[in-house]
Amino acid sequence: MERVPILKIGDILLVSIQVDMSDQTALQLQEDLAERIVATGCHGVIIDITALDIVDSFVGRMLSTIASISKVLDAETVVVGMRPAVAITLVELGLSLNGIRTALNVERGMELIAAAHADEHEELDDEPDAETASS
């Protein structure tokens, strides 16, 4: 069985899908990615689908599931490298990629994750701590 490589770049995990996604490969990727998020404490996941010529409903659901798992584990997901034909197909299939942000390339995906992480830290800094709130 083929495994999809997961690379760590700073506090981001990069998943580059270069193979056809069989059911078993997708399930293994979900498990591997969840384990790597927990092990590394990364706050972002970039899924590069540049090599995919076709994204069907199975791959669309798999991407949504991965994004949901990542979100539960405190990691933002960005899908990058989507070709115009793939975007058109997803829309025609009526697939909404809930919880998934998209970017044209890896660099822009990293910028989105960095901005989301910075916004999250600002919100946490703006919240009063329990000691101050009870005074």
Protein backbone atom coordinates (compact mmCIF):
# COMPACT_ATOMS: atom_id res chain seq x y z
CA MET A 1 0.00 0.00 0.00
CA GLU A 2 1.25 3.46 -0.89
CA ARG A 3 1.62 6.09 1.82
CA VAL A 4 1.38 9.81 1.27
CA PRO A 5 4.44 11.62 2.65
CA ILE A 6 3.91 14.22 5.38
CA LEU A 7 6.68 16.80 5.73
CA LYS A 8 7.13 19.21 8.64
CA ILE A 9 8.04 22.80 7.75
CA GLY A 10 8.18 24.96 10.87
CA ASP A 11 4.83 24.53 12.60
CA ILE A 12 3.10 23.37 9.40
CA LEU A 13 2.67 19.88 8.00
CA LEU A 14 2.84 19.64 4.20
CA VAL A 15 0.99 16.78 2.52
CA SER A 16 1.72 16.41 -1.18
CA ILE A 17 -0.70 13.98 -2.79
CA GLN A 18 1.11 12.44 -5.75
CA VAL A 19 -0.81 9.15 -6.03
CA ASP A 20 -4.36 8.11 -6.82
CA MET A 21 -6.28 8.08 -3.57
CA SER A 22 -7.69 4.63 -2.95
CA ASP A 23 -9.93 4.12 0.08
CA GLN A 24 -7.10 2.45 1.98
CA THR A 25 -4.56 5.17 1.11
CA ALA A 26 -7.01 7.89 2.22
CA LEU A 27 -7.75 6.17 5.53
CA GLN A 28 -4.03 5.67 6.16
CA LEU A 29 -3.37 9.35 5.37
CA GLN A 30 -6.06 10.45 7.84
CA GLU A 31 -4.54 8.29 10.57
CA ASP A 32 -0.92 9.27 9.78
CA LEU A 33 -1.78 12.96 9.66
CA ALA A 34 -3.72 12.92 12.94
CA GLU A 35 -0.78 11.19 14.64
CA ARG A 36 1.72 13.71 13.20
CA ILE A 37 -0.40 16.72 14.27
CA VAL A 38 -0.48 15.41 17.84
CA ALA A 39 3.20 14.40 17.86
CA THR A 40 4.48 17.71 16.46
CA GLY A 41 1.91 20.16 17.87
CA CYS A 42 1.68 21.78 14.43
CA HIS A 43 -1.03 24.40 13.94
CA GLY A 44 -1.35 24.11 10.19
CA VAL A 45 -1.80 21.50 7.47
CA ILE A 46 -1.26 22.22 3.81
CA ILE A 47 -2.56 19.64 1.35
CA ASP A 48 -1.02 20.07 -2.10
CA ILE A 49 -3.20 18.57 -4.83
CA THR A 50 -1.25 19.97 -7.77
CA ALA A 51 -0.57 16.47 -9.11
CA LEU A 52 -4.25 15.46 -9.10
CA ASP A 53 -5.88 15.75 -12.50
CA ILE A 54 -9.25 14.61 -11.24
CA VAL A 55 -10.95 15.16 -7.89
CA ASP A 56 -14.10 13.12 -7.53
CA SER A 57 -16.64 13.08 -4.72
CA PHE A 58 -14.54 10.53 -2.78
CA VAL A 59 -11.45 12.77 -2.78
CA GLY A 60 -13.62 15.80 -1.92
CA ARG A 61 -15.10 13.98 1.10
CA MET A 62 -11.64 12.78 2.11
CA LEU A 63 -10.31 16.36 2.08
CA SER A 64 -13.28 17.52 4.18
CA THR A 65 -12.76 14.71 6.67
CA ILE A 66 -9.05 15.48 6.99
CA ALA A 67 -9.86 19.16 7.58
CA SER A 68 -12.38 18.22 10.28
CA ILE A 69 -9.92 15.91 12.03
CA SER A 70 -7.21 18.57 11.84
CA LYS A 71 -9.53 21.25 13.25
CA VAL A 72 -10.43 19.06 16.22
CA LEU A 73 -6.68 18.69 16.82
CA ASP A 74 -6.19 22.51 16.65
CA ALA A 75 -4.71 22.69 13.15
CA GLU A 76 -5.96 24.85 10.28
CA THR A 77 -6.17 23.14 6.86
CA VAL A 78 -5.45 24.79 3.52
CA VAL A 79 -5.70 22.98 0.18
CA VAL A 80 -3.31 24.34 -2.44
CA GLY A 81 -2.59 23.72 -6.10
CA MET A 82 -6.15 23.19 -7.25
CA ARG A 83 -6.37 23.26 -11.03
CA PRO A 84 -9.23 25.17 -12.68
CA ALA A 85 -10.76 21.95 -14.04
CA VAL A 86 -10.73 20.45 -10.53
CA ALA A 87 -12.44 23.54 -9.08
CA ILE A 88 -15.09 23.38 -11.79
CA THR A 89 -15.67 19.68 -11.14
CA LEU A 90 -16.06 20.22 -7.39
CA VAL A 91 -18.62 22.96 -7.97
CA GLU A 92 -20.50 20.86 -10.55
CA LEU A 93 -20.60 17.93 -8.10
CA GLY A 94 -22.03 20.28 -5.48
CA LEU A 95 -19.20 19.54 -3.07
CA SER A 96 -18.63 22.24 -0.51
CA LEU A 97 -15.30 21.75 1.18
CA ASN A 98 -16.47 22.72 4.65
CA GLY A 99 -13.68 23.84 6.96
CA ILE A 100 -11.16 23.97 4.15
CA ARG A 101 -9.50 27.13 2.99
CA THR A 102 -7.85 27.17 -0.40
CA ALA A 103 -4.85 28.96 -1.85
CA LEU A 104 -3.22 28.95 -5.25
CA ASN A 105 0.15 27.65 -4.05
CA VAL A 106 2.08 26.47 -1.01
CA GLU A 107 3.54 29.91 -0.27
CA ARG A 108 0.10 31.52 -0.12
CA GLY A 109 -1.20 28.61 1.93
CA MET A 110 1.56 29.17 4.48
CA GLU A 111 0.65 32.87 4.63
CA LEU A 112 -3.02 31.99 5.31
CA ILE A 113 -2.06 29.66 8.14
CA ALA A 114 0.34 32.21 9.64
CA ALA A 115 -2.37 34.90 9.51
CA ALA A 116 -4.98 32.60 11.08
CA HIS A 117 -2.55 31.61 13.84
CA ALA A 118 -1.68 35.27 14.51
CA ASP A 119 -5.39 36.18 14.69
CA GLU A 120 -5.99 33.35 17.14
CA HIS A 121 -3.20 34.61 19.40
CA GLU A 122 -4.59 38.17 19.28
CA GLU A 123 -8.01 36.87 20.37
CA LEU A 124 -6.44 34.96 23.26
CA ASP A 125 -4.44 38.03 24.31
CA ASP A 126 -7.61 40.16 24.28
CA GLU A 127 -9.53 37.82 26.61
CA PRO A 128 -9.33 38.74 30.30
CA ASP A 129 -7.74 36.06 32.41
CA ALA A 130 -9.77 34.44 35.19
CA GLU A 131 -8.01 36.36 37.96
CA THR A 132 -8.68 39.76 36.39
CA ALA A 133 -12.28 38.84 35.48
CA SER A 134 -13.17 37.85 39.04
CA SER A 135 -11.78 41.06 40.63
